[in-house]
Protein backbone atom coordinates (compact mmCIF):
# COMPACT_ATOMS: atom_id res chain seq x y z
CA MET A 1 -73.33 66.84 -209.74
CA THR A 2 -70.36 69.18 -209.63
CA SER A 3 -68.11 70.30 -206.78
CA ASN A 4 -64.96 72.36 -206.32
CA LYS A 5 -63.01 69.74 -204.35
CA LEU A 6 -60.25 69.69 -206.97
CA GLN A 7 -60.39 73.43 -207.65
CA ASP A 8 -57.24 74.73 -209.36
CA LYS A 9 -55.68 71.25 -209.49
CA ARG A 10 -53.97 70.43 -212.79
CA ILE A 11 -54.35 66.67 -213.14
CA VAL A 12 -52.57 64.64 -215.82
CA ILE A 13 -54.26 61.64 -217.45
CA THR A 14 -51.73 59.25 -219.01
CA ARG A 15 -54.11 56.64 -220.44
CA PRO A 16 -55.02 56.44 -224.17
CA ILE A 17 -57.19 59.29 -225.48
CA ASN A 18 -60.16 57.05 -226.29
CA ARG A 19 -60.20 55.83 -222.68
CA SER A 20 -59.74 59.23 -221.02
CA LYS A 21 -63.23 60.69 -221.34
CA VAL A 22 -64.72 59.33 -218.10
CA LEU A 23 -61.69 60.25 -216.00
CA ALA A 24 -61.51 63.74 -217.52
CA LYS A 25 -65.20 64.29 -216.77
CA LEU A 26 -64.76 63.23 -213.14
CA ILE A 27 -61.84 65.62 -212.74
CA GLU A 28 -63.71 68.54 -214.29
CA GLU A 29 -66.92 67.84 -212.33
CA ASN A 30 -64.88 68.28 -209.18
CA GLY A 31 -63.35 71.58 -210.31
CA GLY A 32 -60.03 70.31 -211.60
CA THR A 33 -58.34 70.75 -214.96
CA ALA A 34 -57.72 67.53 -216.91
CA LEU A 35 -54.50 67.41 -218.94
CA ILE A 36 -54.61 64.43 -221.30
CA VAL A 37 -51.13 63.22 -222.21
CA PRO A 38 -51.33 59.61 -223.44
CA THR A 39 -48.24 57.54 -222.71
CA LEU A 40 -49.86 54.46 -224.24
CA GLU A 41 -51.47 53.61 -227.56
CA LEU A 42 -53.67 50.56 -228.08
CA GLN A 43 -53.73 48.95 -231.51
CA LEU A 44 -56.31 46.23 -232.14
CA VAL A 45 -54.80 43.13 -233.74
CA LYS A 46 -56.38 40.40 -235.89
CA SER A 47 -53.89 37.70 -234.99
CA PRO A 48 -54.20 34.16 -236.41
CA GLU A 49 -54.77 32.88 -232.86
CA LEU A 50 -57.64 35.33 -232.29
CA ILE A 51 -59.23 34.41 -235.63
CA GLU A 52 -58.97 30.74 -234.73
CA ILE A 53 -60.71 31.33 -231.38
CA ALA A 54 -63.48 33.33 -233.03
CA GLU A 55 -64.05 30.66 -235.66
CA ASN A 56 -64.08 27.83 -233.09
CA ILE A 57 -65.65 29.53 -230.10
CA ASP A 58 -68.00 26.57 -229.50
CA SER A 59 -64.99 24.45 -228.55
CA TYR A 60 -64.18 26.74 -225.60
CA ASP A 61 -65.79 26.40 -222.20
CA TRP A 62 -64.79 29.95 -221.21
CA ILE A 63 -63.62 33.16 -222.80
CA ILE A 64 -61.96 35.67 -220.50
CA PHE A 65 -61.69 39.37 -221.26
CA THR A 66 -59.24 41.38 -219.18
CA SER A 67 -59.77 44.78 -220.84
CA PRO A 68 -62.17 46.70 -223.08
CA ALA A 69 -59.66 46.45 -225.94
CA GLY A 70 -59.79 42.65 -225.77
CA VAL A 71 -63.59 42.72 -226.04
CA LYS A 72 -63.57 45.11 -228.97
CA SER A 73 -60.89 43.19 -230.84
CA PHE A 74 -62.74 39.87 -230.46
CA PHE A 75 -66.07 41.26 -231.65
CA ASN A 76 -64.38 42.97 -234.60
CA ILE A 77 -63.82 39.42 -235.84
CA TYR A 78 -66.69 37.43 -234.35
CA GLU A 79 -69.91 37.84 -236.34
CA ALA A 80 -72.19 35.00 -235.18
CA ASP A 81 -75.31 35.64 -233.12
CA ASP A 82 -74.48 33.78 -229.94
CA ILE A 83 -71.60 32.57 -227.79
CA SER A 84 -72.14 29.30 -225.96
CA SER A 85 -68.99 29.74 -223.87
CA LYS A 86 -69.22 31.18 -220.40
CA ILE A 87 -67.67 34.63 -220.08
CA ALA A 88 -65.51 36.16 -217.37
CA VAL A 89 -64.30 39.77 -217.28
CA ILE A 90 -61.99 41.85 -215.14
CA GLY A 91 -63.32 45.29 -214.30
CA VAL A 92 -66.43 47.42 -214.57
CA LYS A 93 -65.45 49.06 -217.86
CA THR A 94 -64.74 45.71 -219.51
CA GLU A 95 -68.18 44.54 -218.38
CA GLU A 96 -69.81 47.69 -219.78
CA ILE A 97 -68.21 47.18 -223.20
CA LEU A 98 -69.24 43.51 -223.20
CA ASN A 99 -72.83 44.57 -222.42
CA LYS A 100 -72.82 46.79 -225.50
CA TYR A 101 -72.33 43.67 -227.63
CA GLY A 102 -75.34 42.06 -225.97
CA TYR A 103 -73.59 39.78 -223.50
CA LYS A 104 -73.46 39.59 -219.71
CA PRO A 105 -70.50 38.01 -217.92
CA ASP A 106 -70.89 34.89 -215.82
CA VAL A 107 -68.00 35.92 -213.56
CA VAL A 108 -66.79 39.35 -212.45
CA PRO A 109 -64.30 39.23 -209.59
CA GLU A 110 -64.67 41.53 -206.58
CA THR A 111 -61.04 42.56 -207.00
CA PHE A 112 -60.30 43.78 -210.53
CA THR A 113 -56.97 42.01 -211.01
CA ALA A 114 -55.77 38.69 -212.43
CA GLU A 115 -55.34 37.52 -208.86
CA GLY A 116 -58.93 38.49 -208.07
CA LEU A 117 -60.23 36.52 -211.04
CA LEU A 118 -58.20 33.48 -210.05
CA GLU A 119 -59.79 33.63 -206.60
CA SER A 120 -63.21 33.51 -208.27
CA PHE A 121 -62.22 30.44 -210.27
CA GLU A 122 -61.03 28.60 -207.16
CA ASN A 123 -64.71 27.84 -206.47
CA ILE A 124 -65.41 26.71 -210.05
CA ASP A 125 -64.38 23.38 -211.52
CA ILE A 126 -62.38 24.24 -214.65
CA GLN A 127 -60.44 20.97 -214.79
CA ASN A 128 -59.75 20.19 -218.48
CA ASN A 129 -61.80 23.23 -219.56
CA ASN A 130 -60.66 25.04 -222.70
CA ILE A 131 -60.27 28.74 -221.96
CA ALA A 132 -59.76 31.46 -224.57
CA LEU A 133 -57.80 34.47 -223.37
CA PRO A 134 -57.62 37.33 -225.91
CA ARG A 135 -55.27 40.04 -224.64
CA THR A 136 -51.99 41.82 -225.22
CA LEU A 137 -48.91 39.62 -225.20
CA SER A 138 -47.18 42.14 -222.91
CA ALA A 139 -49.56 41.30 -220.04
CA ARG A 140 -48.37 39.47 -216.94
CA LYS A 141 -48.37 35.65 -216.98
CA VAL A 142 -50.17 35.41 -213.63
CA LEU A 143 -53.60 34.71 -215.14
CA PRO A 144 -52.80 32.00 -217.74
CA GLU A 145 -50.39 30.26 -215.38
CA GLY A 146 -52.91 30.40 -212.54
CA LEU A 147 -55.68 28.97 -214.71
CA GLU A 148 -53.41 26.17 -215.88
CA ALA A 149 -52.58 25.40 -212.26
CA LEU A 150 -56.34 24.91 -211.73
CA GLY A 151 -56.34 22.33 -214.51
CA ALA A 152 -57.51 24.40 -217.48
CA ASN A 153 -56.18 24.41 -221.03
CA VAL A 154 -55.48 28.07 -221.75
CA HIS A 155 -55.27 29.49 -225.29
CA VAL A 156 -53.78 32.99 -225.32
CA ALA A 157 -54.47 35.06 -228.44
CA GLU A 158 -52.98 38.46 -229.15
CA SER A 159 -55.91 40.84 -229.58
CA TYR A 160 -54.18 44.21 -229.21
CA LYS A 161 -50.77 45.78 -228.80
CA SER A 162 -49.82 48.28 -226.13
CA THR A 163 -47.18 50.63 -227.53
CA ILE A 164 -45.48 53.94 -226.87
CA PRO A 165 -47.23 56.68 -228.88
CA LYS A 166 -45.61 57.38 -232.26
CA ASP A 167 -45.58 61.09 -231.44
CA THR A 168 -43.88 61.58 -228.08
CA SER A 169 -43.74 65.39 -228.18
CA SER A 170 -46.60 65.79 -225.68
CA ILE A 171 -44.80 63.47 -223.23
CA LEU A 172 -41.64 65.56 -223.47
CA GLN A 173 -43.70 68.72 -222.97
CA LEU A 174 -45.23 67.10 -219.91
CA ALA A 175 -41.74 66.50 -218.53
CA ASP A 176 -41.06 70.24 -218.78
CA SER A 177 -44.39 71.01 -217.10
CA ILE A 178 -43.57 68.64 -214.23
CA ILE A 179 -40.16 70.27 -213.72
CA ASP A 180 -41.71 73.77 -213.93
CA ASN A 181 -44.33 72.92 -211.26
CA ASP A 182 -47.21 73.23 -213.73
CA VAL A 183 -48.68 69.88 -212.68
CA ASP A 184 -50.33 69.08 -209.34
CA VAL A 185 -51.41 65.45 -209.80
CA ILE A 186 -50.52 62.70 -212.24
CA THR A 187 -52.69 59.60 -212.69
CA PHE A 188 -51.60 56.14 -213.82
CA THR A 189 -54.05 53.39 -214.78
CA SER A 190 -51.69 50.60 -215.89
CA PRO A 191 -48.02 49.66 -215.41
CA LEU A 192 -47.20 50.65 -219.00
CA THR A 193 -48.52 54.18 -218.52
CA VAL A 194 -45.81 54.55 -215.87
CA LYS A 195 -43.01 52.78 -217.72
CA ASN A 196 -43.65 54.42 -221.09
CA LEU A 197 -43.70 57.92 -219.60
CA LEU A 198 -40.38 57.47 -217.86
CA ASP A 199 -38.76 55.52 -220.71
CA VAL A 200 -39.55 58.25 -223.23
CA ILE A 201 -38.15 60.98 -220.98
CA LYS A 202 -35.03 58.97 -220.12
CA MET A 203 -34.29 58.18 -223.77
CA ASP A 204 -34.56 61.89 -224.60
CA ASP A 205 -32.61 63.39 -221.70
CA GLU A 206 -31.28 61.50 -218.65
CA GLU A 207 -30.78 64.69 -216.64
CA LYS A 208 -34.40 65.69 -217.26
CA TYR A 209 -35.47 62.15 -216.33
CA GLU A 210 -33.83 62.47 -212.90
CA LYS A 211 -35.45 65.86 -212.36
CA VAL A 212 -38.88 64.45 -213.25
CA LEU A 213 -38.42 61.55 -210.84
CA ASN A 214 -37.45 63.92 -208.03
CA LYS A 215 -40.53 66.06 -208.69
CA LEU A 216 -42.79 63.01 -208.68
CA ARG A 217 -41.25 61.88 -205.40
CA ASP A 218 -41.36 65.21 -203.59
CA ASP A 219 -43.79 67.71 -205.12
CA ILE A 220 -46.50 66.04 -207.22
CA ILE A 221 -49.33 63.82 -206.04
CA VAL A 222 -49.12 60.44 -207.78
CA LEU A 223 -52.37 58.54 -208.20
CA SER A 224 -52.52 54.81 -209.02
CA ILE A 225 -55.65 52.88 -210.01
CA GLY A 226 -54.54 49.71 -208.23
CA PRO A 227 -51.75 47.54 -206.83
CA ILE A 228 -50.37 46.25 -210.13
CA THR A 229 -49.76 49.81 -211.30
CA GLY A 230 -48.62 50.67 -207.78
CA ASN A 231 -45.96 47.96 -207.92
CA MET A 232 -44.55 49.50 -211.11
CA LEU A 233 -44.41 52.90 -209.39
CA LYS A 234 -42.50 51.34 -206.48
CA GLU A 235 -39.83 50.19 -208.93
CA TYR A 236 -39.07 53.89 -209.43
CA ASP A 237 -39.33 54.60 -205.69
CA LEU A 238 -42.59 56.47 -206.21
CA ASP A 239 -45.36 56.47 -203.59
CA ALA A 240 -48.97 56.75 -204.75
CA ILE A 241 -52.49 57.24 -203.49
CA GLN A 242 -54.50 54.14 -204.35
CA PRO A 243 -58.23 53.32 -203.95
CA ASP A 244 -59.59 50.16 -202.34
CA ARG A 245 -61.65 49.46 -205.47
CA TYR A 246 -59.82 49.69 -208.76
CA THR A 247 -61.94 52.06 -210.88
CA VAL A 248 -61.28 55.61 -212.08
CA LYS A 249 -64.21 56.89 -210.00
CA ASP A 250 -62.80 55.37 -206.84
CA MET A 251 -59.37 56.68 -207.79
CA ILE A 252 -60.66 60.25 -207.93
CA ASN A 253 -62.57 59.77 -204.67
CA ALA A 254 -59.33 58.56 -203.04
CA LEU A 255 -57.57 61.67 -204.34
CA ILE A 256 -60.26 63.94 -202.89
CA GLU A 257 -60.02 62.19 -199.51
CA ASN A 258 -56.25 62.61 -199.37
CA ILE A 259 -55.70 66.21 -200.43
């Protein structure tokens, strides 16, 4: 079902290209124009720790996936027919990707953050449980430290890297578009999408960086998927519209309600 609620709005998507399709469709279905400018690249990694987890999955009581990339990276290595471990995931999209591999999670928190997942585990006895946590090493330590505080033995395995795109020309072009008022809304779906955008611009031209920040503060609607990303935006003194539920669909609905 289409509408014109975002008619004539030029809306930037800063997430990786392979994760932009759903958000772009939502924007276009509501009459907006989606401008995909990735400020983040995800590279799947076959780390020794991830291989060890995959080869010894039966020794783990739980495996926790915090992102679609973590799921994909694990199943790129894991080839057996069944996982005896219980599975927890953060987020609807992570659950959808897990389902594609034939598995359903045992735990999905109501709030799609590390803190939300820890709240779910407060009602589960994980004392002395072995928990596998495939993720990027750049992620916050809240989840592994929180699980350890509940008595679990946590094994973190690098499953993907989050990096600045090798080609930053589209980010620098976006900076010009922001300064020239050719952007109405910019969306951020992780802290690194914020940091990478601004780091690239600052490294190229500090004067342009300050101009971009001023535009984002005064003239452009900033949209955040949730509080963790929102906290990164606050570090740059940027206010953002944020949904109560941390999905791209709810993010676009929040935008529509606030314009």
